[in-house]
Amino acid sequence: MAKNIAVIGDSESIKGFCAIGLDIFPCTDSDKAQHLLRRLADSDNYAVIYLTEELFELVEKERKRYEEKLTPAIIPIPGVKGNSGIGTKRLSSFVEQAVGSDIIFND
């Protein structure tokens, strides 16, 4: 069974993803976002769940429940307010864990 891709965030930031066939879930409230993330992640219908960086930070506790699981991958994306650098920091951290040194960003 093919798995889908979901995008959660404010409607202005995510509405374009619908045009390329992704399932969008407009949400700006942190409590609702936590419940939505759990529902989507536990449904086994989604391999990837994108969250706007703003929500990504707000649902940290819920998000950590899925860090050790293969799916769904929960990935931050910039919203209309701009890039806060969360994705870059996470990538840097993953590279440092894997290699022992940050060979990409050299911070």
C-alpha atoms as a PDB file:
ATOM      1  CA  MET A   1       0.000   0.000   0.000  1.00  0.00           C
ATOM      2  CA  ALA A   2       1.360   3.393  -0.998  1.00  0.00           C
ATOM      3  CA  LYS A   3       1.699   5.949   1.750  1.00  0.00           C
ATOM      4  CA  ASN A   4       0.871   9.596   1.411  1.00  0.00           C
ATOM      5  CA  ILE A   5       2.541  12.844   2.402  1.00  0.00           C
ATOM      6  CA  ALA A   6       0.843  15.285   4.789  1.00  0.00           C
ATOM      7  CA  VAL A   7       1.550  18.955   5.397  1.00  0.00           C
ATOM      8  CA  ILE A   8       0.444  20.701   8.612  1.00  0.00           C
ATOM      9  CA  GLY A   9       0.652  24.445   9.157  1.00  0.00           C
ATOM     10  CA  ASP A  10      -1.065  27.756   8.653  1.00  0.00           C
ATOM     11  CA  SER A  11      -3.185  27.754   5.508  1.00  0.00           C
ATOM     12  CA  GLU A  12      -1.195  30.499   3.793  1.00  0.00           C
ATOM     13  CA  SER A  13       2.019  28.480   4.095  1.00  0.00           C
ATOM     14  CA  ILE A  14       0.654  25.100   3.009  1.00  0.00           C
ATOM     15  CA  LYS A  15      -2.077  25.718   0.441  1.00  0.00           C
ATOM     16  CA  GLY A  16       0.326  25.364  -2.501  1.00  0.00           C
ATOM     17  CA  PHE A  17       1.174  21.794  -1.527  1.00  0.00           C
ATOM     18  CA  CYS A  18      -2.346  20.732  -2.442  1.00  0.00           C
ATOM     19  CA  ALA A  19      -1.571  21.565  -6.078  1.00  0.00           C
ATOM     20  CA  ILE A  20       1.108  18.885  -6.188  1.00  0.00           C
ATOM     21  CA  GLY A  21      -1.067  16.226  -4.599  1.00  0.00           C
ATOM     22  CA  LEU A  22      -0.060  16.384  -0.943  1.00  0.00           C
ATOM     23  CA  ASP A  23      -2.685  16.180   1.798  1.00  0.00           C
ATOM     24  CA  ILE A  24      -2.869  19.522   3.597  1.00  0.00           C
ATOM     25  CA  PHE A  25      -4.139  20.115   7.125  1.00  0.00           C
ATOM     26  CA  PRO A  26      -4.435  23.811   8.019  1.00  0.00           C
ATOM     27  CA  CYS A  27      -3.787  24.368  11.706  1.00  0.00           C
ATOM     28  CA  THR A  28      -2.295  27.132  13.855  1.00  0.00           C
ATOM     29  CA  ASP A  29      -3.262  26.060  17.378  1.00  0.00           C
ATOM     30  CA  SER A  30      -0.580  24.045  19.188  1.00  0.00           C
ATOM     31  CA  ASP A  31      -3.054  21.809  21.053  1.00  0.00           C
ATOM     32  CA  LYS A  32      -4.974  20.989  17.896  1.00  0.00           C
ATOM     33  CA  ALA A  33      -1.700  20.472  16.027  1.00  0.00           C
ATOM     34  CA  GLN A  34      -0.532  17.926  18.614  1.00  0.00           C
ATOM     35  CA  HIS A  35      -3.745  15.928  18.299  1.00  0.00           C
ATOM     36  CA  LEU A  36      -3.637  16.186  14.507  1.00  0.00           C
ATOM     37  CA  LEU A  37      -0.013  15.046  14.388  1.00  0.00           C
ATOM     38  CA  ARG A  38      -0.791  12.045  16.594  1.00  0.00           C
ATOM     39  CA  ARG A  39      -3.843  11.111  14.528  1.00  0.00           C
ATOM     40  CA  LEU A  40      -1.928  11.309  11.232  1.00  0.00           C
ATOM     41  CA  ALA A  41       1.191   9.562  12.545  1.00  0.00           C
ATOM     42  CA  ASP A  42      -0.762   6.731  14.158  1.00  0.00           C
ATOM     43  CA  SER A  43      -2.999   6.214  11.122  1.00  0.00           C
ATOM     44  CA  ASP A  44      -0.193   4.488   9.183  1.00  0.00           C
ATOM     45  CA  ASN A  45      -1.340   6.336   6.034  1.00  0.00           C
ATOM     46  CA  TYR A  46       1.573   8.787   5.904  1.00  0.00           C
ATOM     47  CA  ALA A  47       5.256   8.120   5.286  1.00  0.00           C
ATOM     48  CA  VAL A  48       6.176  11.811   5.595  1.00  0.00           C
ATOM     49  CA  ILE A  49       4.564  14.611   7.593  1.00  0.00           C
ATOM     50  CA  TYR A  50       5.811  18.126   6.938  1.00  0.00           C
ATOM     51  CA  LEU A  51       5.228  20.720   9.654  1.00  0.00           C
ATOM     52  CA  THR A  52       5.815  24.428   9.329  1.00  0.00           C
ATOM     53  CA  GLU A  53       8.752  25.439  11.515  1.00  0.00           C
ATOM     54  CA  GLU A  54       6.478  27.416  13.805  1.00  0.00           C
ATOM     55  CA  LEU A  55       4.335  24.357  14.583  1.00  0.00           C
ATOM     56  CA  PHE A  56       7.350  22.059  14.600  1.00  0.00           C
ATOM     57  CA  GLU A  57       8.620  23.834  17.712  1.00  0.00           C
ATOM     58  CA  LEU A  58       5.195  23.956  19.369  1.00  0.00           C
ATOM     59  CA  VAL A  59       4.558  20.204  19.117  1.00  0.00           C
ATOM     60  CA  GLU A  60       7.991  19.079  20.309  1.00  0.00           C
ATOM     61  CA  LYS A  61       6.658  16.763  23.028  1.00  0.00           C
ATOM     62  CA  GLU A  62       4.290  14.978  20.646  1.00  0.00           C
ATOM     63  CA  ARG A  63       6.864  14.892  17.862  1.00  0.00           C
ATOM     64  CA  LYS A  64       9.457  13.159  20.046  1.00  0.00           C
ATOM     65  CA  ARG A  65       7.156  10.128  20.332  1.00  0.00           C
ATOM     66  CA  TYR A  66       7.933   9.343  16.679  1.00  0.00           C
ATOM     67  CA  GLU A  67      11.668  10.126  16.508  1.00  0.00           C
ATOM     68  CA  GLU A  68      12.797   6.527  16.859  1.00  0.00           C
ATOM     69  CA  LYS A  69      10.276   5.163  14.361  1.00  0.00           C
ATOM     70  CA  LEU A  70      11.041   4.710  10.691  1.00  0.00           C
ATOM     71  CA  THR A  71       7.758   6.226   9.567  1.00  0.00           C
ATOM     72  CA  PRO A  72       6.428   8.769   9.501  1.00  0.00           C
ATOM     73  CA  ALA A  73       9.355  11.095   8.949  1.00  0.00           C
ATOM     74  CA  ILE A  74       8.393  14.416  10.546  1.00  0.00           C
ATOM     75  CA  ILE A  75      10.179  17.235   8.765  1.00  0.00           C
ATOM     76  CA  PRO A  76      10.136  21.008   9.376  1.00  0.00           C
ATOM     77  CA  ILE A  77       9.549  23.367   6.454  1.00  0.00           C
ATOM     78  CA  PRO A  78       9.669  27.177   6.401  1.00  0.00           C
ATOM     79  CA  GLY A  79       6.348  28.996   6.558  1.00  0.00           C
ATOM     80  CA  VAL A  80       5.353  32.323   5.060  1.00  0.00           C
ATOM     81  CA  LYS A  81       7.077  34.084   7.962  1.00  0.00           C
ATOM     82  CA  GLY A  82      10.432  32.841   6.677  1.00  0.00           C
ATOM     83  CA  ASN A  83      13.079  30.326   7.580  1.00  0.00           C
ATOM     84  CA  SER A  84      13.962  30.096  11.273  1.00  0.00           C
ATOM     85  CA  GLY A  85      16.847  27.671  10.673  1.00  0.00           C
ATOM     86  CA  ILE A  86      15.340  24.669  12.476  1.00  0.00           C
ATOM     87  CA  GLY A  87      15.782  22.368   9.476  1.00  0.00           C
ATOM     88  CA  THR A  88      19.406  23.377   8.995  1.00  0.00           C
ATOM     89  CA  LYS A  89      20.179  22.840  12.678  1.00  0.00           C
ATOM     90  CA  ARG A  90      18.576  19.386  12.600  1.00  0.00           C
ATOM     91  CA  LEU A  91      20.500  18.390   9.472  1.00  0.00           C
ATOM     92  CA  SER A  92      23.735  19.584  11.059  1.00  0.00           C
ATOM     93  CA  SER A  93      22.959  17.547  14.177  1.00  0.00           C
ATOM     94  CA  PHE A  94      22.221  14.399  12.143  1.00  0.00           C
ATOM     95  CA  VAL A  95      25.456  14.744  10.179  1.00  0.00           C
ATOM     96  CA  GLU A  96      27.443  15.261  13.359  1.00  0.00           C
ATOM     97  CA  GLN A  97      25.864  12.147  14.908  1.00  0.00           C
ATOM     98  CA  ALA A  98      26.608  10.041  11.850  1.00  0.00           C
ATOM     99  CA  VAL A  99      30.116  11.262  11.086  1.00  0.00           C
ATOM    100  CA  GLY A 100      31.327  12.611  14.412  1.00  0.00           C
ATOM    101  CA  SER A 101      31.852  16.096  13.037  1.00  0.00           C
ATOM    102  CA  ASP A 102      29.750  18.659  11.228  1.00  0.00           C
ATOM    103  CA  ILE A 103      31.344  18.322   7.795  1.00  0.00           C
ATOM    104  CA  ILE A 104      28.563  20.199   5.974  1.00  0.00           C
ATOM    105  CA  PHE A 105      28.121  23.452   7.846  1.00  0.00           C
ATOM    106  CA  ASN A 106      31.351  23.569   9.927  1.00  0.00           C
ATOM    107  CA  ASP A 107      29.784  25.495  12.796  1.00  0.00           C
END
